């Protein structure tokens, strides 16, 4: 394979990933908006609902948010009464984010809606195609270089 062909394939892969993400977000956007949420807010709520109280650094590692975006998401969730920052019981100097009762109710209320929307979005893809896609994407992710601690 020539370098030009390899370059074209690399670019095609990147565009396929980005366009798939964009189309997915366009399909899911109305679902999030119907619940008064953004995709990053739901990511944080679902993660806290699953994992329990976490530091902002832990949240950043587990969610798809950048540090700047996560600060805004957390601030908005706190203002909406869905999350709260509290002192870490193990390390009194540290702060953790946890769901409030309203946040837990929001997760319980929205999870079935979210799951139904995902079922609709992926209805044209067989379970075997889903598993193959998951496997291929996980292999790709594992082969990509790890980002440096400073974000580079």
N, C-alpha and C. Protein backbone atom coordinates (compact mmCIF):
# COMPACT_ATOMS: atom_id res chain seq x y z
N UNK A 1 0.85 -1.19 0.00
CA UNK A 1 0.00 0.00 0.00
C UNK A 1 0.89 1.24 0.00
N UNK A 2 0.58 2.17 -0.87
CA UNK A 2 1.38 3.39 -0.94
C UNK A 2 1.04 4.30 0.23
N UNK A 3 1.94 5.23 0.48
CA UNK A 3 1.72 6.19 1.58
C UNK A 3 0.48 7.04 1.31
N UNK A 4 0.25 7.41 0.05
CA UNK A 4 -0.94 8.20 -0.29
C UNK A 4 -2.22 7.43 0.05
N UNK A 5 -2.25 6.14 -0.27
CA UNK A 5 -3.41 5.32 0.06
C UNK A 5 -3.59 5.20 1.57
N UNK A 6 -2.48 5.02 2.27
CA UNK A 6 -2.53 4.92 3.74
C UNK A 6 -3.04 6.23 4.34
N UNK A 7 -2.55 7.36 3.83
CA UNK A 7 -3.02 8.67 4.31
C UNK A 7 -4.51 8.83 4.07
N UNK A 8 -4.97 8.42 2.88
CA UNK A 8 -6.39 8.53 2.56
C UNK A 8 -7.23 7.66 3.49
N UNK A 9 -6.75 6.44 3.77
CA UNK A 9 -7.47 5.55 4.68
C UNK A 9 -7.52 6.13 6.09
N UNK A 10 -6.40 6.69 6.55
CA UNK A 10 -6.38 7.31 7.88
C UNK A 10 -7.39 8.44 7.96
N UNK A 11 -7.40 9.29 6.94
CA UNK A 11 -8.34 10.41 6.92
C UNK A 11 -9.78 9.93 6.84
N UNK A 12 -10.03 8.88 6.08
CA UNK A 12 -11.38 8.32 5.96
C UNK A 12 -11.84 7.76 7.29
N UNK A 13 -10.94 7.10 8.02
CA UNK A 13 -11.29 6.57 9.34
C UNK A 13 -11.65 7.69 10.30
N UNK A 14 -10.85 8.74 10.33
CA UNK A 14 -11.14 9.88 11.21
C UNK A 14 -12.49 10.49 10.86
N UNK A 15 -12.74 10.71 9.58
CA UNK A 15 -14.03 11.29 9.17
C UNK A 15 -15.19 10.37 9.51
N UNK A 16 -15.02 9.08 9.34
CA UNK A 16 -16.09 8.13 9.69
C UNK A 16 -16.41 8.20 11.18
N UNK A 17 -15.37 8.26 12.01
CA UNK A 17 -15.58 8.35 13.46
C UNK A 17 -16.28 9.66 13.83
N UNK A 18 -15.78 10.77 13.30
CA UNK A 18 -16.35 12.08 13.64
C UNK A 18 -17.77 12.22 13.13
N UNK A 19 -18.03 11.77 11.91
CA UNK A 19 -19.39 11.88 11.36
C UNK A 19 -20.37 10.98 12.09
N UNK A 20 -19.91 9.81 12.50
CA UNK A 20 -20.77 8.92 13.29
C UNK A 20 -21.12 9.56 14.63
N UNK A 21 -20.12 10.15 15.27
CA UNK A 21 -20.35 10.83 16.55
C UNK A 21 -21.33 11.99 16.36
N UNK A 22 -21.10 12.77 15.31
CA UNK A 22 -21.96 13.92 15.05
C UNK A 22 -23.41 13.48 14.80
N UNK A 23 -23.59 12.45 14.00
CA UNK A 23 -24.95 11.98 13.71
C UNK A 23 -25.61 11.41 14.97
N UNK A 24 -24.83 10.69 15.78
CA UNK A 24 -25.37 10.16 17.04
C UNK A 24 -25.82 11.30 17.95
N UNK A 25 -24.99 12.33 18.08
CA UNK A 25 -25.33 13.44 18.96
C UNK A 25 -26.56 14.20 18.43
N UNK A 26 -26.68 14.31 17.13
CA UNK A 26 -27.88 14.96 16.56
C UNK A 26 -29.13 14.15 16.86
N UNK A 27 -29.02 12.84 16.83
CA UNK A 27 -30.16 11.98 17.13
C UNK A 27 -30.53 12.05 18.61
N UNK A 28 -29.53 12.13 19.47
CA UNK A 28 -29.77 12.11 20.92
C UNK A 28 -30.04 13.48 21.51
N UNK A 29 -29.64 14.56 20.82
CA UNK A 29 -29.82 15.91 21.34
C UNK A 29 -31.23 16.20 21.81
N UNK A 30 -32.25 15.93 20.99
CA UNK A 30 -33.62 16.21 21.44
C UNK A 30 -34.02 15.41 22.69
N UNK A 31 -33.47 14.22 22.83
CA UNK A 31 -33.78 13.39 23.99
C UNK A 31 -33.24 14.05 25.25
N UNK A 32 -31.99 14.51 25.19
CA UNK A 32 -31.40 15.20 26.34
C UNK A 32 -32.15 16.50 26.64
N UNK A 33 -32.43 17.27 25.59
CA UNK A 33 -33.13 18.55 25.79
C UNK A 33 -34.52 18.34 26.39
N UNK A 34 -35.19 17.26 26.03
CA UNK A 34 -36.53 17.00 26.58
C UNK A 34 -36.49 16.81 28.10
N UNK A 35 -35.33 16.42 28.60
CA UNK A 35 -35.16 16.23 30.05
C UNK A 35 -34.47 17.44 30.68
N UNK A 36 -34.23 18.50 29.89
CA UNK A 36 -33.55 19.68 30.41
C UNK A 36 -32.07 19.44 30.68
N UNK A 37 -31.46 18.52 29.92
CA UNK A 37 -30.06 18.16 30.12
C UNK A 37 -29.27 18.34 28.84
N UNK A 38 -27.95 18.39 29.02
CA UNK A 38 -27.04 18.29 27.89
C UNK A 38 -26.39 16.91 27.97
N UNK A 39 -25.76 16.48 26.89
CA UNK A 39 -25.08 15.18 26.90
C UNK A 39 -24.00 15.12 28.00
N UNK A 40 -23.16 16.16 28.16
CA UNK A 40 -22.16 16.09 29.23
C UNK A 40 -22.80 16.06 30.63
N UNK A 41 -23.91 16.76 30.82
CA UNK A 41 -24.59 16.70 32.12
C UNK A 41 -25.08 15.28 32.40
N UNK A 42 -25.68 14.66 31.39
CA UNK A 42 -26.16 13.29 31.59
C UNK A 42 -24.97 12.36 31.86
N UNK A 43 -23.87 12.56 31.17
CA UNK A 43 -22.67 11.73 31.38
C UNK A 43 -22.24 11.81 32.84
N UNK A 44 -22.22 13.01 33.40
CA UNK A 44 -21.82 13.19 34.80
C UNK A 44 -22.86 12.58 35.74
N UNK A 45 -24.13 12.85 35.50
CA UNK A 45 -25.19 12.30 36.36
C UNK A 45 -25.17 10.78 36.35
N UNK A 46 -25.06 10.19 35.18
CA UNK A 46 -25.07 8.73 35.06
C UNK A 46 -23.83 8.14 35.74
N UNK A 47 -22.69 8.80 35.57
CA UNK A 47 -21.45 8.31 36.19
C UNK A 47 -21.55 8.38 37.71
N UNK A 48 -22.03 9.50 38.24
CA UNK A 48 -22.19 9.62 39.69
C UNK A 48 -23.24 8.64 40.21
N UNK A 49 -24.27 8.41 39.42
CA UNK A 49 -25.31 7.46 39.81
C UNK A 49 -24.78 6.04 39.86
N UNK A 50 -23.85 5.73 38.99
CA UNK A 50 -23.28 4.39 38.93
C UNK A 50 -22.13 4.21 39.91
N UNK A 51 -21.23 5.20 39.96
CA UNK A 51 -19.99 5.07 40.73
C UNK A 51 -20.07 5.64 42.15
N UNK A 52 -21.06 6.50 42.40
CA UNK A 52 -21.12 7.17 43.69
C UNK A 52 -20.29 8.44 43.69
N UNK A 53 -20.02 8.97 44.87
CA UNK A 53 -19.29 10.24 45.01
C UNK A 53 -17.89 10.13 44.42
N UNK A 54 -17.51 11.16 43.66
CA UNK A 54 -16.21 11.19 42.99
C UNK A 54 -15.63 12.59 43.03
N UNK A 55 -14.30 12.68 43.00
CA UNK A 55 -13.65 13.98 42.86
C UNK A 55 -13.82 14.44 41.42
N UNK A 56 -13.61 15.72 41.19
CA UNK A 56 -13.71 16.26 39.83
C UNK A 56 -12.66 15.58 38.94
N UNK A 57 -11.46 15.33 39.47
CA UNK A 57 -10.42 14.64 38.68
C UNK A 57 -10.86 13.23 38.30
N UNK A 58 -11.47 12.52 39.23
CA UNK A 58 -11.97 11.18 38.91
C UNK A 58 -13.08 11.25 37.85
N UNK A 59 -13.95 12.25 37.99
CA UNK A 59 -15.02 12.43 37.00
C UNK A 59 -14.45 12.70 35.62
N UNK A 60 -13.40 13.52 35.56
CA UNK A 60 -12.80 13.86 34.28
C UNK A 60 -12.25 12.59 33.61
N UNK A 61 -11.69 11.68 34.38
CA UNK A 61 -11.15 10.45 33.82
C UNK A 61 -12.26 9.50 33.35
N UNK A 62 -13.41 9.55 34.01
CA UNK A 62 -14.49 8.61 33.70
C UNK A 62 -15.51 9.12 32.70
N UNK A 63 -15.52 10.44 32.47
CA UNK A 63 -16.49 11.01 31.54
C UNK A 63 -15.78 11.49 30.30
N UNK A 64 -16.55 12.01 29.38
CA UNK A 64 -16.00 12.47 28.11
C UNK A 64 -15.74 13.97 28.11
N UNK A 65 -15.67 14.58 29.29
CA UNK A 65 -15.51 16.03 29.39
C UNK A 65 -14.06 16.44 29.55
N UNK A 66 -13.77 17.65 29.08
CA UNK A 66 -12.48 18.26 29.34
C UNK A 66 -12.58 19.01 30.67
N UNK A 67 -11.46 19.41 31.22
CA UNK A 67 -11.49 20.07 32.53
C UNK A 67 -12.31 21.36 32.50
N UNK A 68 -12.13 22.18 31.47
CA UNK A 68 -12.88 23.43 31.38
C UNK A 68 -14.37 23.20 31.24
N UNK A 69 -14.74 22.26 30.40
CA UNK A 69 -16.14 21.93 30.20
C UNK A 69 -16.74 21.30 31.45
N UNK A 70 -15.98 20.42 32.10
CA UNK A 70 -16.49 19.74 33.28
C UNK A 70 -16.79 20.73 34.40
N UNK A 71 -15.96 21.77 34.56
CA UNK A 71 -16.22 22.79 35.58
C UNK A 71 -17.58 23.44 35.36
N UNK A 72 -17.89 23.77 34.11
CA UNK A 72 -19.18 24.40 33.78
C UNK A 72 -20.32 23.42 34.03
N UNK A 73 -20.14 22.17 33.61
CA UNK A 73 -21.18 21.15 33.79
C UNK A 73 -21.46 20.96 35.28
N UNK A 74 -20.42 20.83 36.08
CA UNK A 74 -20.58 20.64 37.53
C UNK A 74 -21.28 21.85 38.15
N UNK A 75 -20.85 23.04 37.78
CA UNK A 75 -21.48 24.26 38.32
C UNK A 75 -22.98 24.28 37.99
N UNK A 76 -23.32 23.95 36.76
CA UNK A 76 -24.73 23.95 36.36
C UNK A 76 -25.53 22.86 37.07
N UNK A 77 -24.94 21.69 37.28
CA UNK A 77 -25.65 20.62 38.00
C UNK A 77 -25.88 21.00 39.46
N UNK A 78 -24.90 21.68 40.05
CA UNK A 78 -25.05 22.14 41.44
C UNK A 78 -26.14 23.21 41.51
N UNK A 79 -26.11 24.17 40.57
CA UNK A 79 -27.14 25.22 40.56
C UNK A 79 -28.54 24.64 40.35
N UNK A 80 -28.63 23.56 39.58
CA UNK A 80 -29.93 22.93 39.32
C UNK A 80 -30.37 22.05 40.48
N UNK A 81 -29.51 21.89 41.48
CA UNK A 81 -29.86 21.09 42.64
C UNK A 81 -29.75 19.59 42.40
N UNK A 82 -29.05 19.19 41.34
CA UNK A 82 -28.92 17.77 41.01
C UNK A 82 -27.66 17.14 41.60
N UNK A 83 -26.70 17.97 41.97
CA UNK A 83 -25.44 17.49 42.54
C UNK A 83 -24.99 18.48 43.61
N UNK A 84 -24.09 17.99 44.46
CA UNK A 84 -23.53 18.85 45.50
C UNK A 84 -22.07 18.48 45.71
N UNK A 85 -21.29 19.50 46.08
CA UNK A 85 -19.88 19.28 46.44
C UNK A 85 -19.83 19.19 47.96
N UNK A 86 -19.17 18.16 48.42
CA UNK A 86 -19.04 17.98 49.87
C UNK A 86 -17.60 17.63 50.21
N UNK A 87 -17.29 17.65 51.49
CA UNK A 87 -15.96 17.29 51.96
C UNK A 87 -15.83 15.77 51.88
N UNK A 88 -14.69 15.32 51.39
CA UNK A 88 -14.41 13.89 51.31
C UNK A 88 -14.24 13.36 52.74
N UNK A 89 -14.97 12.31 53.05
CA UNK A 89 -14.92 11.75 54.41
C UNK A 89 -13.56 11.14 54.73
N UNK A 90 -12.83 10.68 53.70
CA UNK A 90 -11.52 10.06 53.92
C UNK A 90 -10.40 11.09 53.96
N UNK A 91 -10.54 12.17 53.22
CA UNK A 91 -9.52 13.22 53.16
C UNK A 91 -10.25 14.56 53.27
N UNK A 92 -10.28 15.12 54.45
CA UNK A 92 -11.06 16.32 54.73
C UNK A 92 -10.63 17.53 53.88
N UNK A 93 -9.43 17.47 53.28
CA UNK A 93 -8.97 18.57 52.43
C UNK A 93 -9.60 18.51 51.05
N UNK A 94 -10.05 17.32 50.65
CA UNK A 94 -10.56 17.11 49.29
C UNK A 94 -12.07 17.31 49.23
N UNK A 95 -12.56 17.64 48.06
CA UNK A 95 -13.99 17.81 47.81
C UNK A 95 -14.44 16.75 46.81
N UNK A 96 -15.64 16.24 47.03
CA UNK A 96 -16.20 15.26 46.11
C UNK A 96 -17.57 15.75 45.64
N UNK A 97 -17.93 15.26 44.50
CA UNK A 97 -19.23 15.58 43.93
C UNK A 97 -20.12 14.35 44.09
N UNK A 98 -21.35 14.59 44.53
CA UNK A 98 -22.31 13.48 44.67
C UNK A 98 -23.68 13.97 44.25
N UNK A 99 -24.52 13.01 43.89
CA UNK A 99 -25.88 13.34 43.51
C UNK A 99 -26.69 13.75 44.73
N UNK A 100 -27.57 14.69 44.55
CA UNK A 100 -28.57 15.00 45.58
C UNK A 100 -29.73 14.04 45.38
N UNK A 101 -30.71 14.13 46.25
CA UNK A 101 -31.92 13.31 46.08
C UNK A 101 -32.57 13.63 44.74
N UNK A 102 -32.61 14.92 44.39
CA UNK A 102 -33.18 15.32 43.09
C UNK A 102 -32.36 14.75 41.94
N UNK A 103 -31.05 14.68 42.10
CA UNK A 103 -30.18 14.11 41.07
C UNK A 103 -30.43 12.62 40.89
N UNK A 104 -30.60 11.91 42.01
CA UNK A 104 -30.90 10.48 41.93
C UNK A 104 -32.26 10.26 41.27
N UNK A 105 -33.21 11.13 41.58
CA UNK A 105 -34.54 11.02 40.95
C UNK A 105 -34.45 11.30 39.45
N UNK A 106 -33.63 12.27 39.06
CA UNK A 106 -33.46 12.61 37.64
C UNK A 106 -32.86 11.43 36.89
N UNK A 107 -31.85 10.79 37.47
CA UNK A 107 -31.24 9.63 36.84
C UNK A 107 -32.27 8.50 36.69
N UNK A 108 -33.02 8.24 37.76
CA UNK A 108 -34.03 7.17 37.71
C UNK A 108 -35.12 7.47 36.69
N UNK A 109 -35.49 8.73 36.59
CA UNK A 109 -36.54 9.15 35.65
C UNK A 109 -36.05 9.11 34.20
N UNK A 110 -34.82 9.55 33.97
CA UNK A 110 -34.33 9.68 32.60
C UNK A 110 -33.72 8.39 32.04
N UNK A 111 -33.23 7.51 32.87
CA UNK A 111 -32.57 6.30 32.38
C UNK A 111 -33.45 5.49 31.42
N UNK A 112 -34.73 5.24 31.74
CA UNK A 112 -35.56 4.48 30.79
C UNK A 112 -35.76 5.23 29.46
N UNK A 113 -35.89 6.55 29.53
CA UNK A 113 -36.04 7.37 28.32
C UNK A 113 -34.78 7.26 27.48
N UNK A 114 -33.63 7.38 28.13
CA UNK A 114 -32.34 7.28 27.46
C UNK A 114 -32.18 5.91 26.81
N UNK A 115 -32.48 4.86 27.56
CA UNK A 115 -32.34 3.50 27.03
C UNK A 115 -33.27 3.27 25.84
N UNK A 116 -34.47 3.79 25.90
CA UNK A 116 -35.42 3.65 24.80
C UNK A 116 -34.91 4.40 23.56
N UNK A 117 -34.36 5.58 23.77
CA UNK A 117 -33.80 6.35 22.65
C UNK A 117 -32.61 5.62 22.02
N UNK A 118 -31.76 5.04 22.86
CA UNK A 118 -30.63 4.28 22.33
C UNK A 118 -31.12 3.08 21.52
N UNK A 119 -32.15 2.42 22.02
CA UNK A 119 -32.71 1.28 21.30
C UNK A 119 -33.20 1.71 19.92
N UNK A 120 -33.81 2.87 19.86
CA UNK A 120 -34.31 3.41 18.59
C UNK A 120 -33.15 3.78 17.66
N UNK A 121 -32.16 4.46 18.20
CA UNK A 121 -31.02 4.91 17.40
C UNK A 121 -30.28 3.70 16.79
N UNK A 122 -30.14 2.64 17.57
CA UNK A 122 -29.37 1.48 17.12
C UNK A 122 -30.25 0.36 16.54
N UNK A 123 -31.51 0.65 16.30
CA UNK A 123 -32.43 -0.40 15.84
C UNK A 123 -32.04 -0.99 14.48
N UNK A 124 -31.34 -0.25 13.65
CA UNK A 124 -30.94 -0.76 12.34
C UNK A 124 -29.65 -1.56 12.35
N UNK A 125 -29.09 -1.75 13.54
CA UNK A 125 -27.81 -2.47 13.67
C UNK A 125 -28.07 -3.76 14.45
N UNK A 126 -27.67 -4.88 13.88
CA UNK A 126 -27.88 -6.16 14.56
C UNK A 126 -27.00 -6.24 15.81
N UNK A 127 -27.34 -7.12 16.71
CA UNK A 127 -26.54 -7.31 17.93
C UNK A 127 -25.12 -7.74 17.57
N UNK A 128 -24.99 -8.59 16.54
CA UNK A 128 -23.67 -9.02 16.11
C UNK A 128 -22.87 -7.84 15.57
N UNK A 129 -23.50 -6.96 14.78
CA UNK A 129 -22.81 -5.77 14.27
C UNK A 129 -22.42 -4.85 15.43
N UNK A 130 -23.28 -4.74 16.42
CA UNK A 130 -22.94 -3.92 17.60
C UNK A 130 -21.70 -4.48 18.29
N UNK A 131 -21.69 -5.78 18.53
CA UNK A 131 -20.55 -6.39 19.22
C UNK A 131 -19.27 -6.23 18.41
N UNK A 132 -19.36 -6.39 17.08
CA UNK A 132 -18.18 -6.23 16.23
C UNK A 132 -17.68 -4.79 16.28
N UNK A 133 -18.60 -3.84 16.26
CA UNK A 133 -18.21 -2.42 16.32
C UNK A 133 -17.56 -2.10 17.66
N UNK A 134 -18.15 -2.58 18.73
CA UNK A 134 -17.58 -2.37 20.07
C UNK A 134 -16.17 -2.94 20.13
N UNK A 135 -16.00 -4.15 19.63
CA UNK A 135 -14.68 -4.81 19.65
C UNK A 135 -13.67 -3.99 18.85
N UNK A 136 -14.06 -3.59 17.65
CA UNK A 136 -13.14 -2.82 16.79
C UNK A 136 -12.78 -1.49 17.43
N UNK A 137 -13.76 -0.78 17.98
CA UNK A 137 -13.48 0.52 18.59
C UNK A 137 -12.63 0.38 19.85
N UNK A 138 -12.88 -0.66 20.65
CA UNK A 138 -12.06 -0.89 21.83
C UNK A 138 -10.62 -1.23 21.45
N UNK A 139 -10.44 -2.01 20.38
CA UNK A 139 -9.08 -2.32 19.90
C UNK A 139 -8.39 -1.04 19.44
N UNK A 140 -9.12 -0.21 18.71
CA UNK A 140 -8.56 1.07 18.24
C UNK A 140 -8.14 1.93 19.44
N UNK A 141 -9.03 2.06 20.42
CA UNK A 141 -8.74 2.89 21.60
C UNK A 141 -7.49 2.41 22.33
N UNK A 142 -7.37 1.08 22.47
CA UNK A 142 -6.20 0.54 23.19
C UNK A 142 -4.90 0.76 22.43
N UNK A 143 -4.97 0.86 21.10
CA UNK A 143 -3.77 1.04 20.30
C UNK A 143 -3.36 2.51 20.15
N UNK A 144 -4.26 3.41 20.47
CA UNK A 144 -3.94 4.83 20.37
C UNK A 144 -3.00 5.23 21.49
N UNK A 145 -2.12 6.20 21.25
CA UNK A 145 -1.21 6.64 22.31
C UNK A 145 -1.98 7.25 23.47
N UNK A 146 -1.47 7.02 24.67
CA UNK A 146 -2.07 7.60 25.88
C UNK A 146 -1.76 9.09 25.93
N UNK A 147 -2.75 9.93 26.27
CA UNK A 147 -2.45 11.36 26.41
C UNK A 147 -1.54 11.57 27.62
N UNK A 148 -0.72 12.60 27.53
CA UNK A 148 0.16 12.95 28.62
C UNK A 148 -0.64 13.60 29.74
N UNK A 149 -0.10 13.59 30.94
CA UNK A 149 -0.78 14.18 32.11
C UNK A 149 -1.11 15.65 31.92
N UNK A 150 -0.27 16.39 31.17
CA UNK A 150 -0.50 17.82 31.00
C UNK A 150 -1.50 18.10 29.88
N UNK A 151 -2.11 17.02 29.31
CA UNK A 151 -3.14 17.21 28.30
C UNK A 151 -2.62 17.22 26.88
N UNK A 152 -1.31 17.01 26.70
CA UNK A 152 -0.76 16.99 25.35
C UNK A 152 -0.66 15.59 24.81
